[in-house]
Amino acid sequence: MADNVTRRDFLGTVAVATATLATQSAFAEPPRRRGEPLFRISLAEWSLHRALFRHEVTNLDFPEIAKRQYGIGACEYVNQFFKDKAHDEKYLAELNRRAAGEGVQNVLIMIDDEGALGDPNPERRTQAVHNHHKWVDAAKVLGCHSIRVNAHSHGSPDEQMKLVADGLGRLVEYGDRHGLNVIVENHGGLSSNGAWLTGVMRLVNNPRCGTLPDFGNFKDYDRYKAVAEMMPYAKGVSAKTHDFDRHGNCVETDYRRMMKIVLDSGYHGRVGIEYEGTHLSEPEGIKATKHLLERVAAELGGTTS
């Protein structure tokens, strides 16, 4: 130890370094064990949004559809399809019963239309935080690991970052008390800027706060760069597709390149199929995306589940 470094200074430096490593490990995915799949596939309910809006199927049907029609054993729900049911114990119990009956895991709930967590108005921002509480409660009942939220705000990029971090941070504290993560998707605006969104993550600085990198939802920002930036905080991945070429490849995203970015980050969790195209039907688009993910996993030397 140098003469000009006191024991207190040294111990303080060690404590800071230890805390930094603990925070990094808290955000990290658990290591993949030998023989485990490269990643696991889930189905995002938005892939069926047209059928749901036409009332051809309901939210309660979703676990059975995922498992029986597509062989997928994990569901990502969208709150729009059971808006008034967040505290409906009977409804949530029935959804749990149906999922359990199919052997389906409930993964997360995507939350929209509950106010801007980065609203510049303090009262509206606080109200937005409270509006999301009921979905944390519902996700807890359903056995999900996370709710997905949006990072909407107004003002300069720096102002928005601070506002979103404030609202998001308070919601994350509530989620933490219930053992739930709160994760942000790149979903338009500044949230589709990878550097900005990771800046929000650093400001919140809570292992319960993470990202849901979506392969789409980009305008002027390079999608591969953005996903690489978001992956250190990822607690889920959204495999967005619209169109496919005659070889079954996604037209807008190089899936082999993108999934290599995902896996190189150390992530081996759920990759949620979110088909949004119109050239194929919803069932055809879901199946095409699943086949593509399975093929890419094989090309990268592994399997899916």
C-alpha atoms as a PDB file:
ATOM      1  CA  MET A   1       0.000   0.000   0.000  1.00  0.00           C
ATOM      2  CA  ALA A   2       1.381   3.438  -0.924  1.00  0.00           C
ATOM      3  CA  ASP A   3       2.413   5.667   1.983  1.00  0.00           C
ATOM      4  CA  ASN A   4      -0.099   8.383   1.020  1.00  0.00           C
ATOM      5  CA  VAL A   5      -3.069   5.956   0.949  1.00  0.00           C
ATOM      6  CA  THR A   6      -4.713   5.450   4.325  1.00  0.00           C
ATOM      7  CA  ARG A   7      -6.307   2.176   5.387  1.00  0.00           C
ATOM      8  CA  ARG A   8      -9.695   3.926   5.282  1.00  0.00           C
ATOM      9  CA  ASP A   9      -9.076   5.106   1.681  1.00  0.00           C
ATOM     10  CA  PHE A  10      -8.046   1.606   0.660  1.00  0.00           C
ATOM     11  CA  LEU A  11     -11.087  -0.041   2.240  1.00  0.00           C
ATOM     12  CA  GLY A  12     -13.332   2.581   0.637  1.00  0.00           C
ATOM     13  CA  THR A  13     -11.904   1.821  -2.799  1.00  0.00           C
ATOM     14  CA  VAL A  14     -12.414  -1.908  -2.270  1.00  0.00           C
ATOM     15  CA  ALA A  15     -16.020  -1.299  -1.165  1.00  0.00           C
ATOM     16  CA  VAL A  16     -16.799   0.749  -4.285  1.00  0.00           C
ATOM     17  CA  ALA A  17     -15.245  -1.867  -6.566  1.00  0.00           C
ATOM     18  CA  THR A  18     -17.152  -4.652  -4.816  1.00  0.00           C
ATOM     19  CA  ALA A  19     -20.429  -2.755  -5.126  1.00  0.00           C
ATOM     20  CA  THR A  20     -19.797  -2.157  -8.827  1.00  0.00           C
ATOM     21  CA  LEU A  21     -19.144  -5.850  -9.447  1.00  0.00           C
ATOM     22  CA  ALA A  22     -22.259  -6.770  -7.468  1.00  0.00           C
ATOM     23  CA  THR A  23     -24.395  -4.433  -9.566  1.00  0.00           C
ATOM     24  CA  GLN A  24     -22.973  -5.847 -12.810  1.00  0.00           C
ATOM     25  CA  SER A  25     -23.579  -9.423 -11.679  1.00  0.00           C
ATOM     26  CA  ALA A  26     -27.133  -8.531 -10.611  1.00  0.00           C
ATOM     27  CA  PHE A  27     -27.926  -7.383 -14.137  1.00  0.00           C
ATOM     28  CA  ALA A  28     -26.232 -10.402 -15.734  1.00  0.00           C
ATOM     29  CA  GLU A  29     -28.082 -13.512 -16.890  1.00  0.00           C
ATOM     30  CA  PRO A  30     -27.240 -16.722 -15.014  1.00  0.00           C
ATOM     31  CA  PRO A  31     -24.636 -18.768 -16.899  1.00  0.00           C
ATOM     32  CA  ARG A  32     -25.897 -21.348 -19.380  1.00  0.00           C
ATOM     33  CA  ARG A  33     -25.295 -24.904 -18.249  1.00  0.00           C
ATOM     34  CA  ARG A  34     -23.990 -27.653 -20.518  1.00  0.00           C
ATOM     35  CA  GLY A  35     -26.751 -29.169 -22.639  1.00  0.00           C
ATOM     36  CA  GLU A  36     -29.195 -26.302 -22.148  1.00  0.00           C
ATOM     37  CA  PRO A  37     -30.743 -24.627 -25.220  1.00  0.00           C
ATOM     38  CA  LEU A  38     -29.170 -21.492 -26.659  1.00  0.00           C
ATOM     39  CA  PHE A  39     -32.426 -19.687 -25.882  1.00  0.00           C
ATOM     40  CA  ARG A  40     -36.066 -20.411 -25.124  1.00  0.00           C
ATOM     41  CA  ILE A  41     -38.959 -19.296 -27.301  1.00  0.00           C
ATOM     42  CA  SER A  42     -42.055 -17.509 -26.022  1.00  0.00           C
ATOM     43  CA  LEU A  43     -45.012 -16.033 -27.882  1.00  0.00           C
ATOM     44  CA  ALA A  44     -45.984 -12.381 -27.621  1.00  0.00           C
ATOM     45  CA  GLU A  45     -49.759 -11.955 -27.609  1.00  0.00           C
ATOM     46  CA  TRP A  46     -49.509  -8.998 -29.992  1.00  0.00           C
ATOM     47  CA  SER A  47     -48.780 -11.548 -32.733  1.00  0.00           C
ATOM     48  CA  LEU A  48     -52.510 -12.330 -32.552  1.00  0.00           C
ATOM     49  CA  HIS A  49     -53.751  -8.759 -32.165  1.00  0.00           C
ATOM     50  CA  ARG A  50     -55.970  -8.792 -35.248  1.00  0.00           C
ATOM     51  CA  ALA A  51     -57.773 -11.962 -34.154  1.00  0.00           C
ATOM     52  CA  LEU A  52     -58.089 -10.561 -30.629  1.00  0.00           C
ATOM     53  CA  PHE A  53     -59.468  -7.202 -31.748  1.00  0.00           C
ATOM     54  CA  ARG A  54     -61.963  -9.041 -33.975  1.00  0.00           C
ATOM     55  CA  HIS A  55     -62.997 -11.108 -30.915  1.00  0.00           C
ATOM     56  CA  GLU A  56     -62.225 -14.340 -32.750  1.00  0.00           C
ATOM     57  CA  VAL A  57     -60.203 -15.372 -29.701  1.00  0.00           C
ATOM     58  CA  THR A  58     -59.845 -13.987 -26.184  1.00  0.00           C
ATOM     59  CA  ASN A  59     -57.001 -13.450 -23.777  1.00  0.00           C
ATOM     60  CA  LEU A  60     -58.122 -16.537 -21.854  1.00  0.00           C
ATOM     61  CA  ASP A  61     -57.607 -18.616 -25.011  1.00  0.00           C
ATOM     62  CA  PHE A  62     -54.018 -17.482 -25.438  1.00  0.00           C
ATOM     63  CA  PRO A  63     -52.177 -20.200 -23.431  1.00  0.00           C
ATOM     64  CA  GLU A  64     -54.010 -22.981 -25.253  1.00  0.00           C
ATOM     65  CA  ILE A  65     -53.363 -21.381 -28.651  1.00  0.00           C
ATOM     66  CA  ALA A  66     -49.653 -20.906 -27.894  1.00  0.00           C
ATOM     67  CA  LYS A  67     -49.155 -24.512 -26.838  1.00  0.00           C
ATOM     68  CA  ARG A  68     -51.516 -26.455 -29.097  1.00  0.00           C
ATOM     69  CA  GLN A  69     -51.156 -24.504 -32.344  1.00  0.00           C
ATOM     70  CA  TYR A  70     -47.495 -23.496 -32.145  1.00  0.00           C
ATOM     71  CA  GLY A  71     -45.861 -25.786 -29.591  1.00  0.00           C
ATOM     72  CA  ILE A  72     -44.767 -22.790 -27.512  1.00  0.00           C
ATOM     73  CA  GLY A  73     -44.828 -23.145 -23.740  1.00  0.00           C
ATOM     74  CA  ALA A  74     -44.457 -19.525 -22.618  1.00  0.00           C
ATOM     75  CA  CYS A  75     -46.787 -16.522 -23.008  1.00  0.00           C
ATOM     76  CA  GLU A  76     -46.168 -12.770 -23.070  1.00  0.00           C
ATOM     77  CA  TYR A  77     -49.471 -10.984 -22.442  1.00  0.00           C
ATOM     78  CA  VAL A  78     -50.662  -7.529 -23.529  1.00  0.00           C
ATOM     79  CA  ASN A  79     -52.730  -5.561 -21.019  1.00  0.00           C
ATOM     80  CA  GLN A  80     -54.971  -4.152 -23.763  1.00  0.00           C
ATOM     81  CA  PHE A  81     -56.669  -7.538 -24.040  1.00  0.00           C
ATOM     82  CA  PHE A  82     -57.699  -7.726 -20.370  1.00  0.00           C
ATOM     83  CA  LYS A  83     -57.688  -4.050 -19.425  1.00  0.00           C
ATOM     84  CA  ASP A  84     -60.195  -4.201 -16.572  1.00  0.00           C
ATOM     85  CA  LYS A  85     -58.967  -7.497 -15.090  1.00  0.00           C
ATOM     86  CA  ALA A  86     -55.779  -6.482 -13.275  1.00  0.00           C
ATOM     87  CA  HIS A  87     -57.405  -6.952  -9.864  1.00  0.00           C
ATOM     88  CA  ASP A  88     -60.067  -9.475 -10.916  1.00  0.00           C
ATOM     89  CA  GLU A  89     -59.060 -12.444  -8.772  1.00  0.00           C
ATOM     90  CA  LYS A  90     -61.506 -14.840 -10.422  1.00  0.00           C
ATOM     91  CA  TYR A  91     -60.319 -13.924 -13.936  1.00  0.00           C
ATOM     92  CA  LEU A  92     -56.627 -14.190 -13.079  1.00  0.00           C
ATOM     93  CA  ALA A  93     -57.211 -17.519 -11.353  1.00  0.00           C
ATOM     94  CA  GLU A  94     -58.929 -18.832 -14.490  1.00  0.00           C
ATOM     95  CA  LEU A  95     -56.044 -17.609 -16.675  1.00  0.00           C
ATOM     96  CA  ASN A  96     -53.593 -19.330 -14.336  1.00  0.00           C
ATOM     97  CA  ARG A  97     -55.672 -22.509 -14.438  1.00  0.00           C
ATOM     98  CA  ARG A  98     -55.675 -22.561 -18.229  1.00  0.00           C
ATOM     99  CA  ALA A  99     -51.950 -21.871 -18.479  1.00  0.00           C
ATOM    100  CA  ALA A 100     -51.150 -24.575 -15.926  1.00  0.00           C
ATOM    101  CA  GLY A 101     -53.434 -27.002 -17.749  1.00  0.00           C
ATOM    102  CA  GLU A 102     -51.370 -26.544 -20.905  1.00  0.00           C
ATOM    103  CA  GLY A 103     -48.044 -26.558 -19.102  1.00  0.00           C
ATOM    104  CA  VAL A 104     -47.513 -22.941 -20.152  1.00  0.00           C
ATOM    105  CA  GLN A 105     -45.362 -20.442 -18.264  1.00  0.00           C
ATOM    106  CA  ASN A 106     -46.617 -16.870 -17.918  1.00  0.00           C
ATOM    107  CA  VAL A 107     -43.592 -14.679 -18.684  1.00  0.00           C
ATOM    108  CA  LEU A 108     -44.563 -11.016 -18.683  1.00  0.00           C
ATOM    109  CA  ILE A 109     -47.300  -8.451 -19.326  1.00  0.00           C
ATOM    110  CA  MET A 110     -46.757  -5.628 -21.839  1.00  0.00           C
ATOM    111  CA  ILE A 111     -48.313  -2.425 -20.476  1.00  0.00           C
ATOM    112  CA  ASP A 112     -49.655   0.432 -22.596  1.00  0.00           C
ATOM    113  CA  ASP A 113     -52.039   3.370 -22.085  1.00  0.00           C
ATOM    114  CA  GLU A 114     -51.404   3.872 -18.368  1.00  0.00           C
ATOM    115  CA  GLY A 115     -49.773   7.301 -18.584  1.00  0.00           C
ATOM    116  CA  ALA A 116     -46.236   8.505 -19.285  1.00  0.00           C
ATOM    117  CA  LEU A 117     -43.720   7.501 -16.654  1.00  0.00           C
ATOM    118  CA  GLY A 118     -41.626  10.469 -17.795  1.00  0.00           C
ATOM    119  CA  ASP A 119     -44.427  13.041 -17.891  1.00  0.00           C
ATOM    120  CA  PRO A 120     -42.954  16.526 -17.213  1.00  0.00           C
ATOM    121  CA  ASN A 121     -45.935  17.271 -14.960  1.00  0.00           C
ATOM    122  CA  PRO A 122     -45.061  15.827 -11.504  1.00  0.00           C
ATOM    123  CA  GLU A 123     -48.669  14.986 -10.631  1.00  0.00           C
ATOM    124  CA  ARG A 124     -49.314  13.182 -13.913  1.00  0.00           C
ATOM    125  CA  ARG A 125     -45.993  11.359 -13.623  1.00  0.00           C
ATOM    126  CA  THR A 126     -46.892  10.164 -10.131  1.00  0.00           C
ATOM    127  CA  GLN A 127     -50.327   9.107 -11.350  1.00  0.00           C
ATOM    128  CA  ALA A 128     -48.723   7.111 -14.169  1.00  0.00           C
ATOM    129  CA  VAL A 129     -46.541   5.303 -11.633  1.00  0.00           C
ATOM    130  CA  HIS A 130     -49.609   4.429  -9.566  1.00  0.00           C
ATOM    131  CA  ASN A 131     -51.535   3.358 -12.679  1.00  0.00           C
ATOM    132  CA  HIS A 132     -48.879   0.720 -13.335  1.00  0.00           C
ATOM    133  CA  HIS A 133     -49.020  -0.708  -9.801  1.00  0.00           C
ATOM    134  CA  LYS A 134     -52.064  -2.844 -10.556  1.00  0.00           C
ATOM    135  CA  TRP A 135     -50.203  -4.548 -13.409  1.00  0.00           C
ATOM    136  CA  VAL A 136     -47.305  -5.384 -11.106  1.00  0.00           C
ATOM    137  CA  ASP A 137     -49.914  -6.954  -8.838  1.00  0.00           C
ATOM    138  CA  ALA A 138     -51.461  -8.904 -11.733  1.00  0.00           C
ATOM    139  CA  ALA A 139     -48.068 -10.077 -12.978  1.00  0.00           C
ATOM    140  CA  LYS A 140     -47.262 -11.327  -9.494  1.00  0.00           C
ATOM    141  CA  VAL A 141     -50.504 -13.348  -9.382  1.00  0.00           C
ATOM    142  CA  LEU A 142     -49.799 -14.818 -12.828  1.00  0.00           C
ATOM    143  CA  GLY A 143     -46.256 -15.826 -11.909  1.00  0.00           C
ATOM    144  CA  CYS A 144     -44.619 -13.527 -14.466  1.00  0.00           C
ATOM    145  CA  HIS A 145     -41.096 -12.230 -13.958  1.00  0.00           C
ATOM    146  CA  SER A 146     -41.673  -8.743 -15.404  1.00  0.00           C
ATOM    147  CA  ILE A 147     -43.960  -6.077 -16.717  1.00  0.00           C
ATOM    148  CA  ARG A 148     -42.907  -4.227 -19.874  1.00  0.00           C
ATOM    149  CA  VAL A 149     -43.415  -0.454 -19.834  1.00  0.00           C
ATOM    150  CA  ASN A 150     -42.777   2.494 -22.141  1.00  0.00           C
ATOM    151  CA  ALA A 151     -40.367   5.408 -21.676  1.00  0.00           C
ATOM    152  CA  HIS A 152     -42.487   8.304 -22.909  1.00  0.00           C
ATOM    153  CA  SER A 153     -41.700  11.921 -22.021  1.00  0.00           C
ATOM    154  CA  HIS A 154     -41.254  15.432 -23.469  1.00  0.00           C
ATOM    155  CA  GLY A 155     -38.378  17.896 -23.502  1.00  0.00           C
ATOM    156  CA  SER A 156     -34.703  17.709 -24.394  1.00  0.00           C
ATOM    157  CA  PRO A 157     -33.070  14.264 -24.407  1.00  0.00           C
ATOM    158  CA  ASP A 158     -31.330  14.972 -21.094  1.00  0.00           C
ATOM    159  CA  GLU A 159     -34.531  16.256 -19.505  1.00  0.00           C
ATOM    160  CA  GLN A 160     -36.479  13.241 -20.708  1.00  0.00           C
ATOM    161  CA  MET A 161     -33.821  10.880 -19.408  1.00  0.00           C
ATOM    162  CA  LYS A 162     -34.082  12.343 -15.922  1.00  0.00           C
ATOM    163  CA  LEU A 163     -37.890  12.403 -15.957  1.00  0.00           C
ATOM    164  CA  VAL A 164     -38.211   8.819 -17.177  1.00  0.00           C
ATOM    165  CA  ALA A 165     -35.592   7.651 -14.680  1.00  0.00           C
ATOM    166  CA  ASP A 166     -37.587   9.283 -11.885  1.00  0.00           C
ATOM    167  CA  GLY A 167     -40.936   7.681 -12.763  1.00  0.00           C
ATOM    168  CA  LEU A 168     -39.400   4.374 -13.760  1.00  0.00           C
ATOM    169  CA  GLY A 169     -37.245   4.255 -10.654  1.00  0.00           C
ATOM    170  CA  ARG A 170     -40.255   4.696  -8.386  1.00  0.00           C
ATOM    171  CA  LEU A 171     -42.158   1.976 -10.233  1.00  0.00           C
ATOM    172  CA  VAL A 172     -39.154  -0.327 -10.001  1.00  0.00           C
ATOM    173  CA  GLU A 173     -39.131   0.139  -6.223  1.00  0.00           C
ATOM    174  CA  TYR A 174     -42.747  -1.049  -6.124  1.00  0.00           C
ATOM    175  CA  GLY A 175     -41.917  -3.957  -8.408  1.00  0.00           C
ATOM    176  CA  ASP A 176     -38.969  -4.927  -6.230  1.00  0.00           C
ATOM    177  CA  ARG A 177     -41.244  -5.200  -3.185  1.00  0.00           C
ATOM    178  CA  HIS A 178     -43.273  -7.763  -5.151  1.00  0.00           C
ATOM    179  CA  GLY A 179     -40.312  -9.619  -6.659  1.00  0.00           C
ATOM    180  CA  LEU A 180     -41.070  -8.265 -10.161  1.00  0.00           C
ATOM    181  CA  ASN A 181     -38.840  -6.659 -12.790  1.00  0.00           C
ATOM    182  CA  VAL A 182     -39.848  -3.559 -14.732  1.00  0.00           C
ATOM    183  CA  ILE A 183     -38.397  -3.600 -18.231  1.00  0.00           C
ATOM    184  CA  VAL A 184     -38.440  -1.001 -21.003  1.00  0.00           C
ATOM    185  CA  GLU A 185     -38.899  -1.771 -24.684  1.00  0.00           C
ATOM    186  CA  ASN A 186     -37.514   0.381 -27.470  1.00  0.00           C
ATOM    187  CA  HIS A 187     -40.974   1.527 -28.493  1.00  0.00           C
ATOM    188  CA  GLY A 188     -40.579   4.779 -30.399  1.00  0.00           C
ATOM    189  CA  GLY A 189     -39.246   8.220 -29.541  1.00  0.00           C
ATOM    190  CA  LEU A 190     -36.005   8.377 -27.602  1.00  0.00           C
ATOM    191  CA  SER A 191     -36.519   4.857 -26.296  1.00  0.00           C
ATOM    192  CA  SER A 192     -35.489   3.652 -29.767  1.00  0.00           C
ATOM    193  CA  ASN A 193     -32.088   5.272 -29.251  1.00  0.00           C
ATOM    194  CA  GLY A 194     -29.921   2.615 -27.651  1.00  0.00           C
ATOM    195  CA  ALA A 195     -27.485   5.059 -26.050  1.00  0.00           C
ATOM    196  CA  TRP A 196     -30.322   7.100 -24.527  1.00  0.00           C
ATOM    197  CA  LEU A 197     -32.142   4.071 -23.141  1.00  0.00           C
ATOM    198  CA  THR A 198     -29.020   2.615 -21.576  1.00  0.00           C
ATOM    199  CA  GLY A 199     -28.456   6.047 -20.039  1.00  0.00           C
ATOM    200  CA  VAL A 200     -31.852   5.689 -18.365  1.00  0.00           C
ATOM    201  CA  MET A 201     -30.827   2.258 -17.084  1.00  0.00           C
ATOM    202  CA  ARG A 202     -27.653   3.686 -15.565  1.00  0.00           C
ATOM    203  CA  LEU A 203     -29.600   6.492 -13.870  1.00  0.00           C
ATOM    204  CA  VAL A 204     -32.138   4.100 -12.342  1.00  0.00           C
ATOM    205  CA  ASN A 205     -29.309   1.720 -11.390  1.00  0.00           C
ATOM    206  CA  ASN A 206     -31.478  -1.050  -9.982  1.00  0.00           C
ATOM    207  CA  PRO A 207     -31.116  -4.726 -10.953  1.00  0.00           C
ATOM    208  CA  ARG A 208     -34.922  -4.968 -11.092  1.00  0.00           C
ATOM    209  CA  CYS A 209     -34.915  -2.452 -13.963  1.00  0.00           C
ATOM    210  CA  GLY A 210     -33.998  -3.735 -17.405  1.00  0.00           C
ATOM    211  CA  THR A 211     -34.640  -3.653 -21.120  1.00  0.00           C
ATOM    212  CA  LEU A 212     -36.680  -5.627 -23.626  1.00  0.00           C
ATOM    213  CA  PRO A 213     -34.722  -5.179 -26.872  1.00  0.00           C
ATOM    214  CA  ASP A 214     -37.092  -5.374 -29.845  1.00  0.00           C
ATOM    215  CA  PHE A 215     -35.503  -6.176 -33.218  1.00  0.00           C
ATOM    216  CA  GLY A 216     -37.866  -3.677 -34.884  1.00  0.00           C
ATOM    217  CA  ASN A 217     -39.144  -0.272 -33.690  1.00  0.00           C
ATOM    218  CA  PHE A 218     -36.200   1.662 -35.120  1.00  0.00           C
ATOM    219  CA  LYS A 219     -36.211   4.611 -37.496  1.00  0.00           C
ATOM    220  CA  ASP A 220     -32.884   6.405 -37.706  1.00  0.00           C
ATOM    221  CA  TYR A 221     -30.853   4.334 -35.248  1.00  0.00           C
ATOM    222  CA  ASP A 222     -28.918   1.246 -36.304  1.00  0.00           C
ATOM    223  CA  ARG A 223     -30.834  -1.738 -34.923  1.00  0.00           C
ATOM    224  CA  TYR A 224     -27.786  -3.949 -34.457  1.00  0.00           C
ATOM    225  CA  LYS A 225     -25.902  -1.239 -32.559  1.00  0.00           C
ATOM    226  CA  ALA A 226     -28.964  -0.513 -30.412  1.00  0.00           C
ATOM    227  CA  VAL A 227     -29.609  -4.131 -29.468  1.00  0.00           C
ATOM    228  CA  ALA A 228     -25.922  -4.584 -28.605  1.00  0.00           C
ATOM    229  CA  GLU A 229     -26.169  -1.533 -26.328  1.00  0.00           C
ATOM    230  CA  MET A 230     -29.339  -2.761 -24.631  1.00  0.00           C
ATOM    231  CA  MET A 231     -28.388  -6.412 -24.137  1.00  0.00           C
ATOM    232  CA  PRO A 232     -26.361  -5.925 -20.924  1.00  0.00           C
ATOM    233  CA  TYR A 233     -29.641  -4.882 -19.263  1.00  0.00           C
ATOM    234  CA  ALA A 234     -31.952  -7.297 -21.103  1.00  0.00           C
ATOM    235  CA  LYS A 235     -34.433  -9.429 -19.190  1.00  0.00           C
ATOM    236  CA  GLY A 236     -36.234 -10.466 -22.362  1.00  0.00           C
ATOM    237  CA  VAL A 237     -35.902 -10.157 -26.135  1.00  0.00           C
ATOM    238  CA  SER A 238     -38.613  -9.419 -28.696  1.00  0.00           C
ATOM    239  CA  ALA A 239     -38.104 -11.151 -32.054  1.00  0.00           C
ATOM    240  CA  LYS A 240     -40.067  -8.785 -34.296  1.00  0.00           C
ATOM    241  CA  THR A 241     -40.853  -9.846 -37.870  1.00  0.00           C
ATOM    242  CA  HIS A 242     -42.888  -8.347 -40.717  1.00  0.00           C
ATOM    243  CA  ASP A 243     -41.914  -9.950 -44.016  1.00  0.00           C
ATOM    244  CA  PHE A 244     -39.981 -13.006 -45.188  1.00  0.00           C
ATOM    245  CA  ASP A 245     -38.141 -13.802 -48.399  1.00  0.00           C
ATOM    246  CA  ARG A 246     -38.540 -17.065 -50.328  1.00  0.00           C
ATOM    247  CA  HIS A 247     -35.832 -18.677 -48.192  1.00  0.00           C
ATOM    248  CA  GLY A 248     -37.713 -17.949 -44.954  1.00  0.00           C
ATOM    249  CA  ASN A 249     -35.408 -15.134 -43.874  1.00  0.00           C
ATOM    250  CA  CYS A 250     -36.757 -11.987 -42.254  1.00  0.00           C
ATOM    251  CA  VAL A 251     -36.521  -9.167 -44.792  1.00  0.00           C
ATOM    252  CA  GLU A 252     -35.945  -6.284 -42.380  1.00  0.00           C
ATOM    253  CA  THR A 253     -33.556  -7.963 -39.907  1.00  0.00           C
ATOM    254  CA  ASP A 254     -30.598 -10.294 -40.401  1.00  0.00           C
ATOM    255  CA  TYR A 255     -31.607 -12.819 -37.751  1.00  0.00           C
ATOM    256  CA  ARG A 256     -28.320 -14.690 -37.721  1.00  0.00           C
ATOM    257  CA  ARG A 257     -26.419 -11.475 -37.073  1.00  0.00           C
ATOM    258  CA  MET A 258     -28.950 -10.257 -34.506  1.00  0.00           C
ATOM    259  CA  MET A 259     -29.160 -13.495 -32.558  1.00  0.00           C
ATOM    260  CA  LYS A 260     -25.367 -13.691 -32.448  1.00  0.00           C
ATOM    261  CA  ILE A 261     -25.385 -10.251 -30.796  1.00  0.00           C
ATOM    262  CA  VAL A 262     -27.979 -11.501 -28.302  1.00  0.00           C
ATOM    263  CA  LEU A 263     -26.075 -14.689 -27.466  1.00  0.00           C
ATOM    264  CA  ASP A 264     -22.647 -13.044 -27.388  1.00  0.00           C
ATOM    265  CA  SER A 265     -23.962 -10.829 -24.577  1.00  0.00           C
ATOM    266  CA  GLY A 266     -24.413 -13.936 -22.446  1.00  0.00           C
ATOM    267  CA  TYR A 267     -28.190 -13.937 -22.741  1.00  0.00           C
ATOM    268  CA  HIS A 268     -29.886 -17.341 -23.019  1.00  0.00           C
ATOM    269  CA  GLY A 269     -33.388 -16.511 -21.775  1.00  0.00           C
ATOM    270  CA  ARG A 270     -36.724 -16.060 -23.522  1.00  0.00           C
ATOM    271  CA  VAL A 271     -36.930 -14.747 -27.073  1.00  0.00           C
ATOM    272  CA  GLY A 272     -40.517 -13.726 -27.731  1.00  0.00           C
ATOM    273  CA  ILE A 273     -42.020 -14.093 -31.208  1.00  0.00           C
ATOM    274  CA  GLU A 274     -43.812 -10.890 -32.215  1.00  0.00           C
ATOM    275  CA  TYR A 275     -45.110 -11.132 -35.766  1.00  0.00           C
ATOM    276  CA  GLU A 276     -46.583  -7.857 -37.077  1.00  0.00           C
ATOM    277  CA  GLY A 277     -46.700  -8.453 -40.829  1.00  0.00           C
ATOM    278  CA  THR A 278     -49.647  -8.452 -43.205  1.00  0.00           C
ATOM    279  CA  HIS A 279     -48.435 -10.529 -46.159  1.00  0.00           C
ATOM    280  CA  LEU A 280     -48.750 -13.711 -44.127  1.00  0.00           C
ATOM    281  CA  SER A 281     -51.664 -14.502 -41.843  1.00  0.00           C
ATOM    282  CA  GLU A 282     -50.997 -14.302 -38.125  1.00  0.00           C
ATOM    283  CA  PRO A 283     -50.688 -18.107 -37.776  1.00  0.00           C
ATOM    284  CA  GLU A 284     -48.393 -18.317 -40.815  1.00  0.00           C
ATOM    285  CA  GLY A 285     -46.254 -15.420 -39.577  1.00  0.00           C
ATOM    286  CA  ILE A 286     -45.866 -16.926 -36.116  1.00  0.00           C
ATOM    287  CA  LYS A 287     -44.831 -20.275 -37.586  1.00  0.00           C
ATOM    288  CA  ALA A 288     -42.396 -18.629 -40.014  1.00  0.00           C
ATOM    289  CA  THR A 289     -40.751 -16.708 -37.182  1.00  0.00           C
ATOM    290  CA  LYS A 290     -40.482 -19.828 -35.034  1.00  0.00           C
ATOM    291  CA  HIS A 291     -38.921 -21.804 -37.895  1.00  0.00           C
ATOM    292  CA  LEU A 292     -36.447 -18.982 -38.488  1.00  0.00           C
ATOM    293  CA  LEU A 293     -35.407 -18.859 -34.830  1.00  0.00           C
ATOM    294  CA  GLU A 294     -34.979 -22.631 -34.727  1.00  0.00           C
ATOM    295  CA  ARG A 295     -32.903 -22.611 -37.912  1.00  0.00           C
ATOM    296  CA  VAL A 296     -30.664 -19.809 -36.661  1.00  0.00           C
ATOM    297  CA  ALA A 297     -30.116 -21.627 -33.361  1.00  0.00           C
ATOM    298  CA  ALA A 298     -29.043 -24.733 -35.287  1.00  0.00           C
ATOM    299  CA  GLU A 299     -26.705 -22.659 -37.467  1.00  0.00           C
ATOM    300  CA  LEU A 300     -25.142 -21.211 -34.335  1.00  0.00           C
ATOM    301  CA  GLY A 301     -24.564 -24.696 -32.960  1.00  0.00           C
ATOM    302  CA  GLY A 302     -27.429 -25.093 -30.519  1.00  0.00           C
ATOM    303  CA  THR A 303     -31.105 -25.700 -29.965  1.00  0.00           C
ATOM    304  CA  THR A 304     -34.185 -23.895 -28.673  1.00  0.00           C
ATOM    305  CA  SER A 305     -36.940 -24.915 -26.289  1.00  0.00           C
END
